[in-house]
């Protein structure tokens, strides 16, 4: 578990520097694989729209509403927009306009396909 490894390393560094540290997990979400039917359909529609054979399908560890719905058995999928900083759910989150536009086009294609 990532949190355990980070905590162990932090404790080692603290001990080596004559101090102590407490680590408290306030929120943690495990990796969630969405159902394959909708996820595959969304991926195929976007791949077709962009003239690609396939696109990456990523698991998510974030506590999105989609994750809550998927955990309750509701068929769910997400479209991720590239974020070069890797920072999310923060005022420092950033995505380029072209990447956001690509996300809008992808969502539009999926909605059109499902209509």
N, C-alpha and C. Protein backbone atom coordinates (compact mmCIF):
# COMPACT_ATOMS: atom_id res chain seq x y z
N UNK A 1 0.85 -1.19 0.00
CA UNK A 1 0.00 0.00 0.00
C UNK A 1 0.88 1.24 0.00
N UNK A 2 0.56 2.18 -0.86
CA UNK A 2 1.35 3.39 -1.03
C UNK A 2 1.42 4.21 0.26
N UNK A 3 0.31 4.37 0.94
CA UNK A 3 0.30 5.17 2.17
C UNK A 3 1.23 4.54 3.21
N UNK A 4 1.23 3.23 3.30
CA UNK A 4 2.10 2.53 4.24
C UNK A 4 3.57 2.75 3.93
N UNK A 5 3.93 2.71 2.65
CA UNK A 5 5.33 2.93 2.26
C UNK A 5 5.75 4.37 2.54
N UNK A 6 4.87 5.32 2.24
CA UNK A 6 5.18 6.72 2.52
C UNK A 6 5.34 6.94 4.02
N UNK A 7 4.44 6.37 4.80
CA UNK A 7 4.50 6.51 6.25
C UNK A 7 5.79 5.91 6.81
N UNK A 8 6.16 4.72 6.33
CA UNK A 8 7.39 4.08 6.81
C UNK A 8 8.61 4.93 6.48
N UNK A 9 8.68 5.45 5.27
CA UNK A 9 9.81 6.30 4.88
C UNK A 9 9.85 7.57 5.71
N UNK A 10 8.70 8.19 5.94
CA UNK A 10 8.64 9.41 6.76
C UNK A 10 9.11 9.13 8.18
N UNK A 11 8.72 7.99 8.74
CA UNK A 11 9.16 7.63 10.09
C UNK A 11 10.67 7.40 10.13
N UNK A 12 11.21 6.75 9.10
CA UNK A 12 12.67 6.53 9.03
C UNK A 12 13.41 7.86 8.99
N UNK A 13 12.96 8.77 8.14
CA UNK A 13 13.61 10.08 8.02
C UNK A 13 13.51 10.86 9.34
N UNK A 14 12.34 10.81 9.96
CA UNK A 14 12.16 11.52 11.23
C UNK A 14 13.11 10.96 12.29
N UNK A 15 13.19 9.64 12.40
CA UNK A 15 14.07 9.02 13.39
C UNK A 15 15.53 9.37 13.12
N UNK A 16 15.92 9.39 11.85
CA UNK A 16 17.30 9.71 11.48
C UNK A 16 17.64 11.16 11.82
N UNK A 17 16.63 12.01 11.92
CA UNK A 17 16.85 13.43 12.22
C UNK A 17 16.45 13.80 13.64
N UNK A 18 16.24 12.78 14.49
CA UNK A 18 15.96 13.03 15.90
C UNK A 18 14.61 13.66 16.17
N UNK A 19 13.64 13.34 15.37
CA UNK A 19 12.30 13.89 15.58
C UNK A 19 11.28 12.76 15.40
N UNK A 20 10.03 13.10 15.50
CA UNK A 20 8.97 12.10 15.34
C UNK A 20 7.91 12.64 14.38
N UNK A 21 7.13 11.74 13.87
CA UNK A 21 6.06 12.12 12.94
C UNK A 21 4.85 11.22 13.20
N UNK A 22 3.69 11.79 13.05
CA UNK A 22 2.44 11.03 13.11
C UNK A 22 1.79 11.12 11.74
N UNK A 23 1.35 9.99 11.23
CA UNK A 23 0.66 9.95 9.95
C UNK A 23 -0.76 9.48 10.20
N UNK A 24 -1.71 10.27 9.75
CA UNK A 24 -3.12 9.91 9.90
C UNK A 24 -3.79 9.96 8.53
N UNK A 25 -4.37 8.85 8.13
CA UNK A 25 -5.08 8.80 6.86
C UNK A 25 -6.47 9.37 7.08
N UNK A 26 -6.74 10.49 6.42
CA UNK A 26 -8.04 11.14 6.57
C UNK A 26 -9.04 10.64 5.54
N UNK A 27 -8.54 10.26 4.38
CA UNK A 27 -9.41 9.79 3.32
C UNK A 27 -8.61 8.89 2.41
N UNK A 28 -9.18 7.79 2.02
CA UNK A 28 -8.48 6.87 1.13
C UNK A 28 -9.50 6.14 0.27
N UNK A 29 -9.23 6.10 -1.01
CA UNK A 29 -10.09 5.38 -1.94
C UNK A 29 -9.25 4.35 -2.67
N UNK A 30 -9.70 3.14 -2.71
CA UNK A 30 -8.99 2.12 -3.45
C UNK A 30 -9.20 2.30 -4.95
N UNK A 31 -8.41 1.60 -5.72
CA UNK A 31 -8.56 1.64 -7.17
C UNK A 31 -9.88 0.98 -7.53
N UNK A 32 -10.60 1.59 -8.43
CA UNK A 32 -11.91 1.09 -8.82
C UNK A 32 -11.93 0.84 -10.32
N UNK A 33 -12.28 -0.36 -10.70
CA UNK A 33 -12.47 -0.68 -12.12
C UNK A 33 -13.95 -0.55 -12.42
N UNK A 34 -14.29 0.33 -13.35
CA UNK A 34 -15.68 0.46 -13.75
C UNK A 34 -16.11 -0.76 -14.55
N UNK A 35 -17.43 -0.97 -14.64
CA UNK A 35 -17.96 -2.08 -15.42
C UNK A 35 -17.48 -2.02 -16.86
N UNK A 36 -17.32 -3.18 -17.45
CA UNK A 36 -16.69 -3.23 -18.77
C UNK A 36 -17.61 -2.84 -19.92
N UNK A 37 -18.92 -2.99 -19.79
CA UNK A 37 -19.81 -2.73 -20.92
C UNK A 37 -19.80 -1.25 -21.32
N UNK A 38 -20.16 -0.37 -20.40
CA UNK A 38 -20.19 1.06 -20.72
C UNK A 38 -18.79 1.59 -20.96
N UNK A 39 -17.85 1.17 -20.14
CA UNK A 39 -16.46 1.64 -20.29
C UNK A 39 -15.92 1.29 -21.67
N UNK A 40 -16.16 0.07 -22.12
CA UNK A 40 -15.70 -0.35 -23.44
C UNK A 40 -16.40 0.42 -24.55
N UNK A 41 -17.70 0.67 -24.36
CA UNK A 41 -18.45 1.42 -25.38
C UNK A 41 -17.92 2.85 -25.49
N UNK A 42 -17.71 3.49 -24.35
CA UNK A 42 -17.17 4.86 -24.34
C UNK A 42 -15.80 4.88 -25.01
N UNK A 43 -14.95 3.94 -24.66
CA UNK A 43 -13.60 3.89 -25.24
C UNK A 43 -13.66 3.68 -26.75
N UNK A 44 -14.55 2.80 -27.21
CA UNK A 44 -14.63 2.52 -28.64
C UNK A 44 -15.16 3.72 -29.42
N UNK A 45 -16.18 4.39 -28.87
CA UNK A 45 -16.74 5.57 -29.54
C UNK A 45 -15.66 6.65 -29.68
N UNK A 46 -14.91 6.88 -28.61
CA UNK A 46 -13.87 7.91 -28.65
C UNK A 46 -12.76 7.51 -29.60
N UNK A 47 -12.35 6.24 -29.56
CA UNK A 47 -11.32 5.77 -30.49
C UNK A 47 -11.77 5.94 -31.94
N UNK A 48 -13.01 5.55 -32.22
CA UNK A 48 -13.55 5.70 -33.58
C UNK A 48 -13.56 7.17 -34.00
N UNK A 49 -14.00 8.04 -33.09
CA UNK A 49 -14.09 9.47 -33.38
C UNK A 49 -12.71 10.05 -33.71
N UNK A 50 -11.68 9.51 -33.06
CA UNK A 50 -10.33 10.04 -33.26
C UNK A 50 -9.52 9.23 -34.28
N UNK A 51 -10.15 8.23 -34.88
CA UNK A 51 -9.46 7.42 -35.88
C UNK A 51 -8.37 6.53 -35.30
N UNK A 52 -8.57 6.08 -34.07
CA UNK A 52 -7.59 5.22 -33.39
C UNK A 52 -8.16 3.81 -33.23
N UNK A 53 -7.27 2.84 -33.14
CA UNK A 53 -7.71 1.46 -32.91
C UNK A 53 -8.23 1.30 -31.48
N UNK A 54 -7.52 1.87 -30.53
CA UNK A 54 -7.91 1.79 -29.12
C UNK A 54 -7.46 3.06 -28.41
N UNK A 55 -7.98 3.26 -27.21
CA UNK A 55 -7.49 4.32 -26.33
C UNK A 55 -7.26 3.70 -24.96
N UNK A 56 -6.42 4.31 -24.12
CA UNK A 56 -6.18 3.74 -22.79
C UNK A 56 -7.43 3.77 -21.93
N UNK A 57 -7.62 2.72 -21.14
CA UNK A 57 -8.69 2.69 -20.15
C UNK A 57 -8.01 2.61 -18.79
N UNK A 58 -8.23 3.63 -17.97
CA UNK A 58 -7.52 3.78 -16.71
C UNK A 58 -8.42 3.48 -15.52
N UNK A 59 -7.91 2.78 -14.51
CA UNK A 59 -8.66 2.68 -13.26
C UNK A 59 -8.56 4.02 -12.53
N UNK A 60 -9.46 4.28 -11.62
CA UNK A 60 -9.40 5.52 -10.85
C UNK A 60 -9.41 5.22 -9.36
N UNK A 61 -8.65 5.99 -8.63
CA UNK A 61 -8.65 5.87 -7.17
C UNK A 61 -9.33 7.06 -6.53
N UNK A 62 -9.75 7.99 -7.34
CA UNK A 62 -10.37 9.20 -6.81
C UNK A 62 -11.80 8.91 -6.34
N UNK A 63 -12.25 9.66 -5.37
CA UNK A 63 -13.58 9.47 -4.82
C UNK A 63 -14.64 10.23 -5.59
N UNK A 64 -14.66 10.06 -6.88
CA UNK A 64 -15.63 10.74 -7.72
C UNK A 64 -17.02 10.18 -7.47
N UNK A 65 -18.03 10.98 -7.79
CA UNK A 65 -19.41 10.48 -7.72
C UNK A 65 -19.56 9.22 -8.56
N UNK A 66 -18.85 9.18 -9.68
CA UNK A 66 -18.91 8.00 -10.54
C UNK A 66 -18.45 6.75 -9.80
N UNK A 67 -17.46 6.89 -8.94
CA UNK A 67 -16.98 5.75 -8.15
C UNK A 67 -18.03 5.28 -7.16
N UNK A 68 -18.73 6.21 -6.57
CA UNK A 68 -19.80 5.86 -5.63
C UNK A 68 -20.91 5.13 -6.36
N UNK A 69 -21.29 5.64 -7.53
CA UNK A 69 -22.33 4.98 -8.32
C UNK A 69 -21.89 3.58 -8.76
N UNK A 70 -20.64 3.46 -9.22
CA UNK A 70 -20.13 2.16 -9.65
C UNK A 70 -20.13 1.16 -8.50
N UNK A 71 -19.75 1.62 -7.31
CA UNK A 71 -19.74 0.75 -6.13
C UNK A 71 -21.14 0.25 -5.79
N UNK A 72 -22.16 1.03 -6.18
CA UNK A 72 -23.55 0.65 -5.93
C UNK A 72 -24.13 -0.20 -7.05
N UNK A 73 -23.29 -0.54 -8.04
CA UNK A 73 -23.73 -1.40 -9.12
C UNK A 73 -24.28 -0.67 -10.33
N UNK A 74 -24.16 0.65 -10.37
CA UNK A 74 -24.62 1.43 -11.51
C UNK A 74 -23.53 1.44 -12.57
N UNK A 75 -23.88 1.07 -13.81
CA UNK A 75 -22.90 1.07 -14.90
C UNK A 75 -22.37 2.49 -15.07
N UNK A 76 -21.07 2.64 -15.00
CA UNK A 76 -20.44 3.96 -14.94
C UNK A 76 -19.16 3.99 -15.75
N UNK A 77 -18.84 5.16 -16.28
CA UNK A 77 -17.56 5.36 -16.97
C UNK A 77 -17.16 6.81 -16.78
N UNK A 78 -15.89 7.10 -16.98
CA UNK A 78 -15.39 8.47 -16.89
C UNK A 78 -14.51 8.76 -18.10
N UNK A 79 -14.47 10.02 -18.48
CA UNK A 79 -13.56 10.48 -19.52
C UNK A 79 -12.54 11.38 -18.84
N UNK A 80 -11.28 11.00 -18.90
CA UNK A 80 -10.22 11.79 -18.29
C UNK A 80 -9.65 12.78 -19.30
N UNK A 81 -9.39 13.98 -18.85
CA UNK A 81 -8.74 15.00 -19.66
C UNK A 81 -7.29 15.11 -19.19
N UNK A 82 -6.37 15.16 -20.14
CA UNK A 82 -4.95 15.23 -19.81
C UNK A 82 -4.67 16.44 -18.91
N UNK A 83 -3.87 16.21 -17.89
CA UNK A 83 -3.49 17.24 -16.93
C UNK A 83 -1.98 17.13 -16.75
N UNK A 84 -1.20 18.00 -17.40
CA UNK A 84 0.25 17.85 -17.39
C UNK A 84 0.88 17.99 -16.00
N UNK A 85 0.21 18.66 -15.06
CA UNK A 85 0.80 18.83 -13.73
C UNK A 85 0.54 17.63 -12.83
N UNK A 86 -0.50 16.86 -13.13
CA UNK A 86 -0.86 15.74 -12.27
C UNK A 86 -1.62 16.16 -11.03
N UNK A 87 -1.77 17.45 -10.80
CA UNK A 87 -2.49 17.95 -9.63
C UNK A 87 -3.98 17.98 -9.95
N UNK A 88 -4.79 17.40 -9.06
CA UNK A 88 -6.23 17.44 -9.30
C UNK A 88 -6.96 17.79 -8.01
N UNK A 89 -8.17 18.26 -8.17
CA UNK A 89 -9.02 18.66 -7.04
C UNK A 89 -8.30 19.70 -6.18
N UNK A 90 -7.70 20.67 -6.83
CA UNK A 90 -6.92 21.70 -6.17
C UNK A 90 -6.98 22.97 -7.01
N UNK A 91 -6.83 24.13 -6.38
CA UNK A 91 -6.76 25.37 -7.18
C UNK A 91 -5.59 25.36 -8.16
N UNK A 92 -4.61 24.51 -7.93
CA UNK A 92 -3.44 24.43 -8.81
C UNK A 92 -3.63 23.46 -9.98
N UNK A 93 -4.80 22.82 -10.04
CA UNK A 93 -5.08 21.92 -11.16
C UNK A 93 -5.13 22.73 -12.45
N UNK A 94 -4.61 22.14 -13.50
CA UNK A 94 -4.60 22.85 -14.78
C UNK A 94 -4.71 21.86 -15.93
N UNK A 95 -5.50 22.22 -16.90
CA UNK A 95 -5.57 21.47 -18.16
C UNK A 95 -5.58 22.51 -19.28
N UNK A 96 -4.87 22.20 -20.34
CA UNK A 96 -4.81 23.11 -21.48
C UNK A 96 -6.17 23.18 -22.18
N UNK A 97 -6.45 24.32 -22.78
CA UNK A 97 -7.73 24.53 -23.48
C UNK A 97 -7.97 23.45 -24.54
N UNK A 98 -6.94 23.11 -25.31
CA UNK A 98 -7.10 22.09 -26.36
C UNK A 98 -7.46 20.73 -25.77
N UNK A 99 -6.88 20.41 -24.60
CA UNK A 99 -7.20 19.14 -23.95
C UNK A 99 -8.64 19.14 -23.44
N UNK A 100 -9.09 20.27 -22.90
CA UNK A 100 -10.49 20.39 -22.46
C UNK A 100 -11.43 20.27 -23.65
N UNK A 101 -11.06 20.88 -24.76
CA UNK A 101 -11.86 20.80 -25.98
C UNK A 101 -11.94 19.36 -26.46
N UNK A 102 -10.84 18.64 -26.40
CA UNK A 102 -10.84 17.22 -26.79
C UNK A 102 -11.79 16.43 -25.90
N UNK A 103 -11.82 16.75 -24.60
CA UNK A 103 -12.74 16.09 -23.69
C UNK A 103 -14.19 16.37 -24.04
N UNK A 104 -14.49 17.61 -24.39
CA UNK A 104 -15.85 17.98 -24.80
C UNK A 104 -16.25 17.23 -26.07
N UNK A 105 -15.34 17.16 -27.04
CA UNK A 105 -15.63 16.43 -28.27
C UNK A 105 -15.86 14.95 -27.99
N UNK A 106 -15.06 14.38 -27.09
CA UNK A 106 -15.23 12.97 -26.74
C UNK A 106 -16.58 12.73 -26.09
N UNK A 107 -16.94 13.58 -25.13
CA UNK A 107 -18.24 13.43 -24.46
C UNK A 107 -19.38 13.62 -25.45
N UNK A 108 -19.26 14.57 -26.35
CA UNK A 108 -20.29 14.80 -27.37
C UNK A 108 -20.48 13.56 -28.23
N UNK A 109 -19.37 12.93 -28.64
CA UNK A 109 -19.46 11.72 -29.46
C UNK A 109 -20.15 10.59 -28.71
N UNK A 110 -19.85 10.45 -27.43
CA UNK A 110 -20.47 9.39 -26.62
C UNK A 110 -21.96 9.65 -26.47
N UNK A 111 -22.33 10.88 -26.16
CA UNK A 111 -23.76 11.21 -26.01
C UNK A 111 -24.50 10.98 -27.32
N UNK A 112 -23.91 11.39 -28.42
CA UNK A 112 -24.53 11.19 -29.75
C UNK A 112 -24.72 9.69 -30.00
N UNK A 113 -23.72 8.89 -29.67
CA UNK A 113 -23.80 7.44 -29.90
C UNK A 113 -24.89 6.79 -29.04
N UNK A 114 -25.08 7.30 -27.85
CA UNK A 114 -26.03 6.68 -26.93
C UNK A 114 -27.46 7.20 -27.10
N UNK A 115 -27.61 8.28 -27.88
CA UNK A 115 -28.94 8.88 -28.05
C UNK A 115 -29.85 8.01 -28.90
